[in-house]
Amino acid sequence: MEPAAEFVVYQKLLLWEASLESEEEQEEGETSEPLVPDPWRPQDSSRNKAGGLPGAWAHLVAALLLLAVGTSLAVWQLHARGGSTGGLGSTAPPPRGHSHHPGVYHHGAIISPAATCSHLGQELLIAGGNVVDAGVGAALCLAVVHPHATGLGAMFWGLFHNSSSGNSTALTSGPAQTLAPGLGLPAALPTLHLLHARFGHLPWPHLLGGPTTLAQEGFLVDTALARALAAQGTEGLCPLLCHTDGTPLGPGARATNPKLAAVLHKAALTTTSDLAGDSLLSLLTRDLGVEMPSPGPRPTVEPALQLPMPQGILFTTPSPSAGPELLALLKATLHSGMPSPDICPPPLQTATTPSSSILATVDSSGSVLLLTSSLNSSFGSRHLSPSTGVLLSDLTTRSATSAWTCPLILRDSSDDTEANVLGLVASGTPDVARAMTRALLSHLAGPQTQAQHQNQTQQGPTDHPSTCGQGTLLQVSAHAEHTHVSSVPSGCCPFQGF
């Protein structure tokens, strides 16, 4: 049975908290309004108690609000047609009359491979959402605009640090399961829904408005997707990502996925993960002509693995991810006497690393969410479900250990609930874990060495051998009541914040 939903209060990010408003009303005897109104918040009136709207009216209101939020995102993307670089480091007007270098924000920030999805995450943060809301919304957006790396057919892993409690939690889709020969069982929707139900703040439908509209009204093919199409070809991907003559869409071309939009729209109006389970599977099994699979392991949230050290505590995801192996590598490296971060530790012992997608969100109080997902191969199995618009992965029960996932969080040794927090998440070849290890060693070695490391790696892991591998590394942190986001290579991933 899925755990009951819990709201998580963050001290620095939320602009309005229901519990505080209730206390003020009792003390002052008047109604106070939130700085950012929440259209999904139940209104306390004699005609409309929470949950009191008839089902049809509730669905109508939800649909209209989804359309409004999604249309806003679609309009923004049209203005950003000139390219994703325009979204690198752009900020909302500083609320305190002063500004910072790009990547430093007062309240919260998000970094992802797609400018559209980073912008959506920023909107959710400004609307009063927490890092889980922003991360889940951006992950659903990536499932639409980056079908070569992630999607509703992908498996997701996550690592969440709650600054309010000081706890870190691992999210897992469970072991890969087979839907049909060579086709993985989709797990994205139930996994993300579970994470949101446990730790999110905004209502679930609020997170799906933008992704639904992008799938329905169209999204612009960015450079990453265009490169994947050019390299892999369009077999199995037409007409979704092809011109009428069968050639792949190029950068700036418009793609739509109305079947996927219908799935997301229905999921937005479903208060449980049923659509992500039986309802979605029934459509997929009908397309494939196979029987409904027997129930398997469900997504879980569980305490993260820990490695105490003098400088703080390291957290990562459990097996079958590469987290335990990464902790063992770090433990051996640290116990060897803190070698210079210029020395690359040995690589993880993995044969291959599937194609994967990553993102990270952080707020100024130190809450961090790291998400990584994979279809196993570029465009997964290349089997596009005609009834759902879902690209199925080729992650099956025979797939290897999830070497593509090893997110890492370091919370410093301070007893303060707002202690400094560092988050690292990477994708790419198996050697990219060495870049993550080196980034952590630079952080532990002190500000001067860390600055030297940043200068050395700003050209990206393919341009400097000391970065210990090829791929993408995202780094987020909370320090001195500010959030910091960056990436290696520096121009790979657009970030947004406020």
Protein backbone atom coordinates (compact mmCIF):
# COMPACT_ATOMS: atom_id res chain seq x y z
CA MET A 1 0.00 0.00 0.00
CA GLU A 2 1.34 3.43 -0.92
CA PRO A 3 2.31 5.55 2.12
CA ALA A 4 0.09 8.46 3.02
CA ALA A 5 1.07 11.81 1.55
CA GLU A 6 3.20 14.10 3.71
CA PHE A 7 3.85 17.81 3.24
CA VAL A 8 7.41 18.93 3.89
CA VAL A 9 7.94 22.45 5.22
CA TYR A 10 11.08 24.26 4.12
CA GLN A 11 12.12 27.25 6.16
CA LYS A 12 13.60 29.34 3.35
CA LEU A 13 11.80 28.48 0.12
CA LEU A 14 8.04 28.48 0.59
CA LEU A 15 6.50 31.94 0.34
CA TRP A 16 3.38 30.80 2.13
CA GLU A 17 2.74 28.04 4.67
CA ALA A 18 -0.78 26.92 5.57
CA SER A 19 0.11 26.14 9.19
CA LEU A 20 1.51 29.63 9.77
CA GLU A 21 -1.53 31.26 8.18
CA SER A 22 -3.86 29.29 10.45
CA GLU A 23 -1.95 30.41 13.54
CA GLU A 24 -2.07 34.05 12.45
CA GLU A 25 -5.80 33.88 11.79
CA GLN A 26 -6.42 32.48 15.27
CA GLU A 27 -4.29 35.18 16.90
CA GLU A 28 -5.35 38.19 14.84
CA GLY A 29 -8.88 37.19 13.89
CA GLU A 30 -8.44 38.14 10.23
CA THR A 31 -7.63 36.43 6.97
CA SER A 32 -4.16 36.78 5.48
CA GLU A 33 -3.42 36.07 1.82
CA PRO A 34 -0.38 34.15 0.55
CA LEU A 35 2.18 36.12 -1.43
CA VAL A 36 1.68 33.59 -4.25
CA PRO A 37 -1.96 32.41 -4.39
CA ASP A 38 -2.37 28.66 -4.79
CA PRO A 39 -5.30 28.01 -7.18
CA TRP A 40 -5.42 24.37 -6.09
CA ARG A 41 -5.78 25.16 -2.40
CA PRO A 42 -9.24 24.13 -1.08
CA GLN A 43 -11.34 27.20 -0.26
CA ASP A 44 -13.02 27.28 3.11
CA SER A 45 -16.60 28.33 2.36
CA SER A 46 -20.02 26.98 3.08
CA ARG A 47 -20.51 25.99 -0.56
CA ASN A 48 -17.11 24.49 -1.28
CA LYS A 49 -15.41 22.53 1.47
CA ALA A 50 -12.14 20.74 0.67
CA GLY A 51 -13.02 17.87 -1.60
CA GLY A 52 -16.61 19.05 -1.78
CA LEU A 53 -16.82 19.88 -5.48
CA PRO A 54 -18.71 17.35 -7.58
CA GLY A 55 -16.33 15.16 -9.57
CA ALA A 56 -17.24 16.66 -12.95
CA TRP A 57 -16.72 20.25 -11.79
CA ALA A 58 -13.44 19.34 -10.07
CA HIS A 59 -12.15 17.80 -13.28
CA LEU A 60 -13.27 20.86 -15.29
CA VAL A 61 -11.51 23.29 -12.95
CA ALA A 62 -8.40 21.11 -12.95
CA ALA A 63 -8.38 20.93 -16.73
CA LEU A 64 -8.69 24.72 -17.10
CA LEU A 65 -5.87 25.36 -14.66
CA LEU A 66 -3.69 22.76 -16.36
CA LEU A 67 -4.31 24.53 -19.66
CA ALA A 68 -3.40 27.93 -18.21
CA VAL A 69 -0.15 26.74 -16.64
CA GLY A 70 0.84 24.71 -19.69
CA THR A 71 0.06 27.50 -22.14
CA SER A 72 2.31 29.85 -20.17
CA LEU A 73 5.17 27.39 -20.52
CA ALA A 74 4.52 26.84 -24.22
CA VAL A 75 4.50 30.59 -24.89
CA TRP A 76 7.79 30.94 -23.01
CA GLN A 77 9.35 28.20 -25.12
CA LEU A 78 8.32 29.93 -28.33
CA HIS A 79 10.12 33.07 -27.15
CA ALA A 80 13.18 30.92 -26.39
CA ARG A 81 13.29 29.53 -29.93
CA GLY A 82 16.64 31.13 -30.56
CA GLY A 83 18.37 28.38 -28.56
CA SER A 84 18.85 26.96 -25.10
CA THR A 85 21.92 29.07 -24.39
CA GLY A 86 19.63 32.01 -23.74
CA GLY A 87 18.38 30.24 -20.63
CA LEU A 88 21.82 29.67 -19.14
CA GLY A 89 22.00 31.49 -15.86
CA SER A 90 19.04 33.78 -16.40
CA THR A 91 17.40 34.93 -13.20
CA ALA A 92 14.29 36.54 -11.81
CA PRO A 93 14.81 40.12 -10.57
CA PRO A 94 16.77 39.94 -7.29
CA PRO A 95 14.33 40.38 -4.39
CA ARG A 96 16.79 42.19 -2.12
CA GLY A 97 18.14 44.85 -4.42
CA HIS A 98 21.44 43.15 -5.20
CA SER A 99 22.59 40.46 -7.60
CA HIS A 100 25.09 37.62 -7.75
CA HIS A 101 27.17 35.80 -10.30
CA PRO A 102 25.26 33.43 -12.60
CA GLY A 103 24.32 30.26 -10.78
CA VAL A 104 23.91 31.91 -7.34
CA TYR A 105 20.38 32.61 -6.11
CA HIS A 106 18.61 33.77 -2.97
CA HIS A 107 15.89 31.14 -2.62
CA GLY A 108 16.06 28.14 -4.93
CA ALA A 109 17.44 26.85 -8.22
CA ILE A 110 17.22 24.00 -10.70
CA ILE A 111 19.58 22.68 -13.37
CA SER A 112 18.62 20.22 -16.11
CA PRO A 113 19.62 19.30 -19.69
CA ALA A 114 16.73 21.28 -21.26
CA ALA A 115 16.07 25.03 -20.93
CA THR A 116 12.31 24.49 -21.16
CA CYS A 117 12.33 22.09 -18.21
CA SER A 118 14.60 24.26 -16.07
CA HIS A 119 12.19 27.14 -16.69
CA LEU A 120 9.24 24.96 -15.66
CA GLY A 121 11.05 23.98 -12.45
CA GLN A 122 11.72 27.63 -11.68
CA GLU A 123 8.02 28.45 -12.16
CA LEU A 124 7.06 25.73 -9.69
CA LEU A 125 9.54 27.10 -7.13
CA ILE A 126 8.19 30.63 -7.51
CA ALA A 127 4.62 29.29 -7.20
CA GLY A 128 5.45 28.06 -3.69
CA GLY A 129 6.64 24.56 -4.55
CA ASN A 130 9.56 22.87 -2.88
CA VAL A 131 12.55 21.13 -4.47
CA VAL A 132 10.56 17.90 -4.92
CA ASP A 133 7.79 19.71 -6.83
CA ALA A 134 10.35 21.44 -9.06
CA GLY A 135 12.33 18.26 -9.67
CA VAL A 136 9.34 16.03 -10.42
CA GLY A 137 7.79 18.65 -12.72
CA ALA A 138 11.07 19.05 -14.61
CA ALA A 139 11.48 15.26 -14.86
CA LEU A 140 8.02 14.96 -16.44
CA CYS A 141 8.96 17.78 -18.81
CA LEU A 142 12.16 15.96 -19.83
CA ALA A 143 10.04 12.85 -20.45
CA VAL A 144 8.36 14.87 -23.22
CA VAL A 145 11.20 16.90 -24.75
CA HIS A 146 14.13 14.46 -24.35
CA PRO A 147 12.75 11.08 -25.48
CA HIS A 148 16.25 9.93 -26.42
CA ALA A 149 17.38 9.88 -22.77
CA THR A 150 14.30 9.56 -20.56
CA GLY A 151 10.50 9.24 -20.64
CA LEU A 152 7.52 7.53 -19.04
CA GLY A 153 9.11 4.24 -20.10
CA ALA A 154 12.29 5.00 -18.13
CA MET A 155 13.42 3.89 -14.70
CA PHE A 156 14.08 6.60 -12.11
CA TRP A 157 16.35 6.81 -9.10
CA GLY A 158 16.54 9.76 -6.74
CA LEU A 159 18.23 11.12 -3.64
CA PHE A 160 16.43 13.69 -1.49
CA HIS A 161 17.87 15.59 1.47
CA ASN A 162 15.28 17.27 3.72
CA SER A 163 16.81 20.26 5.48
CA SER A 164 13.91 20.43 7.94
CA SER A 165 14.56 16.96 9.35
CA GLY A 166 18.20 16.48 8.36
CA ASN A 167 17.29 13.13 6.78
CA SER A 168 18.25 11.83 3.35
CA THR A 169 15.96 9.47 1.45
CA ALA A 170 16.62 7.25 -1.58
CA LEU A 171 14.00 6.71 -4.28
CA THR A 172 14.08 3.55 -6.39
CA SER A 173 11.88 2.18 -9.16
CA GLY A 174 12.74 -1.33 -8.00
CA PRO A 175 14.45 -4.00 -10.11
CA ALA A 176 13.97 -3.79 -13.87
CA GLN A 177 11.04 -5.90 -15.05
CA THR A 178 10.13 -7.27 -18.47
CA LEU A 179 6.86 -6.28 -20.14
CA ALA A 180 7.56 -8.23 -23.35
CA PRO A 181 10.75 -9.73 -24.85
CA GLY A 182 13.31 -6.93 -25.01
CA LEU A 183 10.89 -4.34 -23.58
CA GLY A 184 11.06 -2.95 -20.06
CA LEU A 185 8.07 -2.39 -17.81
CA PRO A 186 7.40 1.38 -17.43
CA ALA A 187 7.95 2.65 -13.91
CA ALA A 188 8.34 6.42 -14.23
CA LEU A 189 4.84 7.61 -13.27
CA PRO A 190 4.39 5.48 -10.13
CA THR A 191 7.95 6.27 -9.02
CA LEU A 192 7.61 10.05 -9.43
CA HIS A 193 4.09 10.00 -7.98
CA LEU A 194 5.38 8.21 -4.87
CA LEU A 195 8.16 10.76 -4.38
CA HIS A 196 5.72 13.64 -4.74
CA ALA A 197 3.09 12.06 -2.47
CA ARG A 198 5.65 11.67 0.31
CA PHE A 199 7.53 14.96 0.05
CA GLY A 200 5.85 17.35 -2.41
CA HIS A 201 3.89 20.47 -1.51
CA LEU A 202 1.96 21.59 -4.59
CA PRO A 203 -0.99 19.46 -5.74
CA TRP A 204 -0.04 16.69 -8.18
CA PRO A 205 -2.02 18.18 -11.13
CA HIS A 206 -0.02 21.41 -10.88
CA LEU A 207 3.12 19.52 -11.88
CA LEU A 208 1.68 18.02 -15.06
CA GLY A 209 0.20 21.14 -16.67
CA GLY A 210 3.35 22.24 -18.51
CA PRO A 211 4.43 18.77 -19.72
CA THR A 212 0.88 18.02 -20.92
CA THR A 213 0.70 21.21 -22.98
CA LEU A 214 4.16 20.66 -24.45
CA ALA A 215 3.14 17.19 -25.61
CA GLN A 216 -0.20 18.41 -26.97
CA GLU A 217 0.71 21.73 -28.57
CA GLY A 218 4.29 20.92 -29.46
CA PHE A 219 7.85 21.39 -28.25
CA LEU A 220 10.94 22.61 -30.06
CA VAL A 221 13.62 20.03 -30.80
CA ASP A 222 16.78 21.17 -29.03
CA THR A 223 20.40 20.44 -29.92
CA ALA A 224 20.70 17.37 -27.68
CA LEU A 225 17.66 15.65 -29.19
CA ALA A 226 18.64 16.65 -32.74
CA ARG A 227 22.12 15.17 -32.28
CA ALA A 228 20.67 11.93 -30.96
CA LEU A 229 18.32 11.70 -33.94
CA ALA A 230 21.14 12.40 -36.40
CA ALA A 231 23.35 9.75 -34.78
CA GLN A 232 20.74 7.03 -34.23
CA GLY A 233 18.37 7.51 -37.18
CA THR A 234 14.58 7.49 -37.08
CA GLU A 235 13.76 3.78 -37.28
CA GLY A 236 10.77 3.17 -35.01
CA LEU A 237 10.44 6.87 -34.19
CA CYS A 238 8.23 8.08 -37.06
CA PRO A 239 6.04 10.04 -37.26
CA LEU A 240 6.82 11.37 -33.78
CA LEU A 241 10.30 12.73 -34.58
CA CYS A 242 10.35 12.67 -38.38
CA HIS A 243 9.47 14.92 -41.28
CA THR A 244 6.91 13.59 -43.75
CA ASP A 245 9.73 12.23 -45.90
CA GLY A 246 11.10 10.21 -42.99
CA THR A 247 14.14 12.39 -42.29
CA PRO A 248 14.84 13.29 -38.66
CA LEU A 249 13.69 16.59 -37.20
CA GLY A 250 16.45 19.15 -36.77
CA PRO A 251 17.10 21.82 -34.14
CA GLY A 252 14.17 24.22 -33.82
CA ALA A 253 11.68 21.90 -35.54
CA ARG A 254 8.35 21.40 -33.76
CA ALA A 255 7.25 17.99 -32.49
CA THR A 256 4.00 16.92 -30.85
CA ASN A 257 2.91 13.79 -28.98
CA PRO A 258 -0.88 14.02 -28.44
CA LYS A 259 -1.20 10.43 -27.22
CA LEU A 260 1.35 11.11 -24.49
CA ALA A 261 -0.50 14.35 -23.69
CA ALA A 262 -3.69 12.32 -23.12
CA VAL A 263 -1.85 9.99 -20.74
CA LEU A 264 -0.40 12.92 -18.77
CA HIS A 265 -3.75 14.72 -18.69
CA LYS A 266 -5.50 11.67 -17.29
CA ALA A 267 -2.68 11.16 -14.78
CA ALA A 268 -3.12 14.78 -13.62
CA LEU A 269 -6.78 14.12 -12.81
CA THR A 270 -6.02 10.87 -10.99
CA THR A 271 -5.26 11.27 -7.30
CA THR A 272 -3.50 7.92 -7.06
CA SER A 273 -0.88 6.19 -9.20
CA ASP A 274 -3.50 3.82 -10.72
CA LEU A 275 -3.03 5.30 -14.20
CA ALA A 276 0.69 4.72 -13.90
CA GLY A 277 -0.08 1.11 -13.06
CA ASP A 278 -3.04 -0.86 -14.36
CA SER A 279 -4.59 1.79 -16.61
CA LEU A 280 -1.40 2.62 -18.51
CA LEU A 281 -0.33 -1.01 -18.65
CA SER A 282 -3.66 -2.08 -20.10
CA LEU A 283 -3.10 0.24 -23.06
CA LEU A 284 0.47 -0.95 -23.54
CA THR A 285 -0.41 -4.65 -23.34
CA ARG A 286 -3.19 -4.11 -25.87
CA ASP A 287 -0.70 -2.50 -28.26
CA LEU A 288 1.75 -5.35 -27.82
CA GLY A 289 -0.80 -8.16 -27.80
CA VAL A 290 0.56 -9.58 -24.52
CA GLU A 291 -1.04 -10.47 -21.22
CA MET A 292 -1.12 -8.12 -18.27
CA PRO A 293 2.06 -8.71 -16.23
CA SER A 294 1.74 -10.04 -12.71
CA PRO A 295 2.36 -7.50 -9.95
CA GLY A 296 6.05 -7.00 -9.25
CA PRO A 297 8.10 -4.92 -6.83
CA ARG A 298 6.72 -1.43 -6.34
CA PRO A 299 8.73 1.81 -6.19
CA THR A 300 10.09 2.52 -2.74
CA VAL A 301 11.48 5.34 -0.64
CA GLU A 302 13.96 4.25 2.01
CA PRO A 303 16.78 5.73 4.10
CA ALA A 304 19.80 6.56 1.98
CA LEU A 305 23.12 4.79 2.42
CA GLN A 306 25.48 6.74 4.69
CA LEU A 307 29.25 7.14 5.05
CA PRO A 308 30.19 9.19 8.15
CA MET A 309 33.43 11.13 7.84
CA PRO A 310 35.11 13.97 9.77
CA GLN A 311 33.84 16.59 7.33
CA GLY A 312 30.22 15.39 7.44
CA ILE A 313 28.03 12.57 6.16
CA LEU A 314 27.88 11.24 2.60
CA PHE A 315 24.56 9.89 1.28
CA THR A 316 23.80 7.88 -1.85
CA THR A 317 21.36 5.34 -3.30
CA PRO A 318 21.39 1.62 -2.37
CA SER A 319 21.95 -1.45 -4.55
CA PRO A 320 21.28 -2.26 -7.38
CA SER A 321 22.50 1.26 -8.17
CA ALA A 322 26.22 2.01 -8.29
CA GLY A 323 25.91 3.95 -5.03
CA PRO A 324 27.48 1.28 -2.76
CA GLU A 325 30.44 0.90 -5.13
CA LEU A 326 30.89 4.67 -5.25
CA LEU A 327 30.92 4.87 -1.43
CA ALA A 328 33.52 2.08 -1.30
CA LEU A 329 35.66 3.98 -3.82
CA LEU A 330 35.37 7.20 -1.81
CA LYS A 331 36.09 5.45 1.48
CA ALA A 332 39.25 3.87 0.09
CA THR A 333 40.36 7.18 -1.43
CA LEU A 334 39.74 9.16 1.75
CA HIS A 335 41.45 6.58 3.96
CA SER A 336 44.53 6.70 1.74
CA GLY A 337 45.35 10.12 3.16
CA MET A 338 43.31 12.62 1.15
CA PRO A 339 45.34 12.61 -2.08
CA SER A 340 45.40 15.71 -4.24
CA PRO A 341 42.14 16.13 -6.16
CA ASP A 342 44.32 16.32 -9.30
CA ILE A 343 44.82 12.56 -8.95
CA CYS A 344 42.00 10.55 -10.50
CA PRO A 345 40.80 7.56 -8.47
CA PRO A 346 40.28 4.24 -10.28
CA PRO A 347 37.03 3.87 -12.26
CA LEU A 348 33.99 1.93 -11.16
CA GLN A 349 34.10 -1.66 -12.38
CA THR A 350 31.25 -1.50 -14.89
CA ALA A 351 31.11 -2.89 -18.39
CA THR A 352 28.72 -0.37 -19.90
CA THR A 353 26.70 2.65 -18.87
CA PRO A 354 23.24 3.12 -20.37
CA SER A 355 22.08 6.41 -21.80
CA SER A 356 20.69 8.47 -18.93
CA SER A 357 19.27 11.85 -17.95
CA ILE A 358 19.96 13.86 -14.79
CA LEU A 359 18.68 16.96 -12.99
CA ALA A 360 19.15 18.66 -9.62
CA THR A 361 17.21 21.16 -7.49
CA VAL A 362 18.25 22.99 -4.31
CA ASP A 363 16.88 25.61 -1.94
CA SER A 364 18.68 28.05 0.34
CA SER A 365 17.83 26.10 3.50
CA GLY A 366 19.80 23.11 2.17
CA SER A 367 17.10 20.81 0.78
CA VAL A 368 18.36 18.99 -2.32
CA LEU A 369 16.78 16.61 -4.84
CA LEU A 370 18.92 14.69 -7.35
CA LEU A 371 17.12 12.65 -10.03
CA THR A 372 18.57 10.29 -12.62
CA SER A 373 16.69 8.17 -15.15
CA SER A 374 17.46 5.88 -18.05
CA LEU A 375 15.92 4.10 -21.03
CA ASN A 376 19.08 1.93 -21.12
CA SER A 377 19.85 2.82 -24.76
CA SER A 378 19.39 5.97 -26.79
CA PHE A 379 15.63 6.07 -27.47
CA GLY A 380 15.35 2.85 -25.43
CA SER A 381 13.92 -0.07 -27.36
CA ARG A 382 12.75 2.31 -30.12
CA HIS A 383 9.30 0.76 -29.71
CA LEU A 384 6.77 3.60 -29.73
CA SER A 385 3.40 2.62 -28.26
CA PRO A 386 0.72 3.95 -30.66
CA SER A 387 -1.94 4.19 -27.92
CA THR A 388 0.15 6.05 -25.36
CA GLY A 389 3.01 7.79 -27.21
CA VAL A 390 5.42 6.14 -24.75
CA LEU A 391 8.85 4.96 -25.90
CA LEU A 392 9.54 1.75 -24.00
CA SER A 393 12.98 1.09 -22.57
CA ASP A 394 15.05 -2.02 -23.14
CA LEU A 395 15.80 -2.25 -19.41
CA THR A 396 14.60 -5.76 -18.52
CA THR A 397 15.15 -8.38 -15.83
CA ARG A 398 18.33 -9.40 -17.68
CA SER A 399 19.76 -5.89 -17.56
CA ALA A 400 22.94 -5.26 -15.62
CA THR A 401 23.23 -3.40 -12.33
CA SER A 402 22.17 0.24 -12.62
CA ALA A 403 25.67 1.60 -13.07
CA TRP A 404 24.22 4.81 -14.48
CA THR A 405 22.93 5.97 -11.10
CA CYS A 406 25.07 7.08 -8.17
CA PRO A 407 23.86 10.51 -6.93
CA LEU A 408 25.79 11.83 -3.96
CA ILE A 409 24.96 14.33 -1.18
CA LEU A 410 27.39 15.66 1.44
CA ARG A 411 25.98 17.32 4.54
CA ASP A 412 28.66 19.00 6.62
CA SER A 413 29.29 18.03 10.23
CA SER A 414 27.54 21.03 11.74
CA ASP A 415 24.58 20.33 14.03
CA ASP A 416 22.77 23.32 12.54
CA THR A 417 19.58 22.34 10.65
CA GLU A 418 20.74 24.71 7.89
CA ALA A 419 24.21 23.20 7.53
CA ASN A 420 26.03 23.47 4.22
CA VAL A 421 24.94 20.81 1.73
CA LEU A 422 26.55 19.69 -1.54
CA GLY A 423 24.81 17.56 -4.19
CA LEU A 424 26.49 15.79 -7.16
CA VAL A 425 24.86 13.77 -9.92
CA ALA A 426 26.46 12.56 -13.15
CA SER A 427 25.70 10.83 -16.44
CA GLY A 428 27.95 9.47 -19.15
CA THR A 429 30.60 6.76 -19.29
CA PRO A 430 31.49 4.66 -16.22
CA ASP A 431 34.55 6.89 -15.74
CA VAL A 432 32.31 9.87 -14.96
CA ALA A 433 32.03 8.60 -11.38
CA ARG A 434 35.69 9.48 -11.07
CA ALA A 435 34.86 13.07 -12.00
CA MET A 436 32.27 13.05 -9.22
CA THR A 437 34.86 11.71 -6.77
CA ARG A 438 37.35 14.35 -7.85
CA ALA A 439 34.76 17.13 -7.43
CA LEU A 440 34.07 15.92 -3.90
CA LEU A 441 37.80 15.79 -3.07
CA SER A 442 38.17 19.35 -4.35
CA HIS A 443 35.29 20.43 -2.13
CA LEU A 444 36.86 18.77 0.91
CA ALA A 445 40.31 20.16 0.13
CA GLY A 446 39.14 23.73 0.68
CA PRO A 447 38.03 26.83 -1.24
CA GLN A 448 41.37 27.49 -2.95
CA THR A 449 41.72 23.98 -4.37
CA GLN A 450 38.05 23.95 -5.29
CA ALA A 451 38.47 27.18 -7.26
CA GLN A 452 41.49 25.70 -9.07
CA HIS A 453 39.46 22.59 -9.91
CA GLN A 454 36.60 24.70 -11.27
CA ASN A 455 38.99 26.67 -13.48
CA GLN A 456 40.55 23.46 -14.78
CA THR A 457 37.25 21.80 -15.59
CA GLN A 458 35.27 24.72 -17.00
CA GLN A 459 36.11 23.52 -20.52
CA GLY A 460 34.30 20.25 -19.83
CA PRO A 461 35.30 16.64 -19.23
CA THR A 462 36.18 16.03 -22.88
CA ASP A 463 38.59 18.98 -22.97
CA HIS A 464 40.78 18.32 -19.94
CA PRO A 465 42.16 14.90 -18.98
CA SER A 466 42.15 15.66 -15.25
CA THR A 467 38.35 15.57 -15.14
CA CYS A 468 38.60 11.78 -15.02
CA GLY A 469 36.11 10.76 -17.68
CA GLN A 470 33.55 11.89 -20.21
CA GLY A 471 29.97 12.85 -19.51
CA THR A 472 28.00 15.47 -17.58
CA LEU A 473 28.37 16.40 -13.93
CA LEU A 474 25.83 18.63 -12.11
CA GLN A 475 26.72 20.27 -8.82
CA VAL A 476 24.32 22.10 -6.48
CA SER A 477 24.91 23.43 -3.00
CA ALA A 478 23.46 25.58 -0.25
CA HIS A 479 25.84 27.92 1.55
CA ALA A 480 25.31 31.10 3.55
CA GLU A 481 21.56 31.11 2.82
CA HIS A 482 22.15 31.07 -0.93
CA THR A 483 21.90 28.36 -3.56
CA HIS A 484 24.66 27.56 -6.05
CA VAL A 485 24.36 25.54 -9.27
CA SER A 486 26.97 24.60 -11.89
CA SER A 487 27.85 21.89 -14.37
CA VAL A 488 30.78 20.26 -16.12
CA PRO A 489 30.99 21.01 -19.00
CA SER A 490 29.95 24.51 -17.99
CA GLY A 491 27.58 25.16 -20.90
CA CYS A 492 25.83 21.81 -21.05
CA CYS A 493 22.82 22.37 -18.81
CA PRO A 494 20.64 25.48 -18.46
CA PHE A 495 19.87 26.57 -14.91
CA GLN A 496 17.20 28.82 -13.46
CA GLY A 497 16.53 30.22 -10.01
CA PHE A 498 15.20 33.13 -8.02
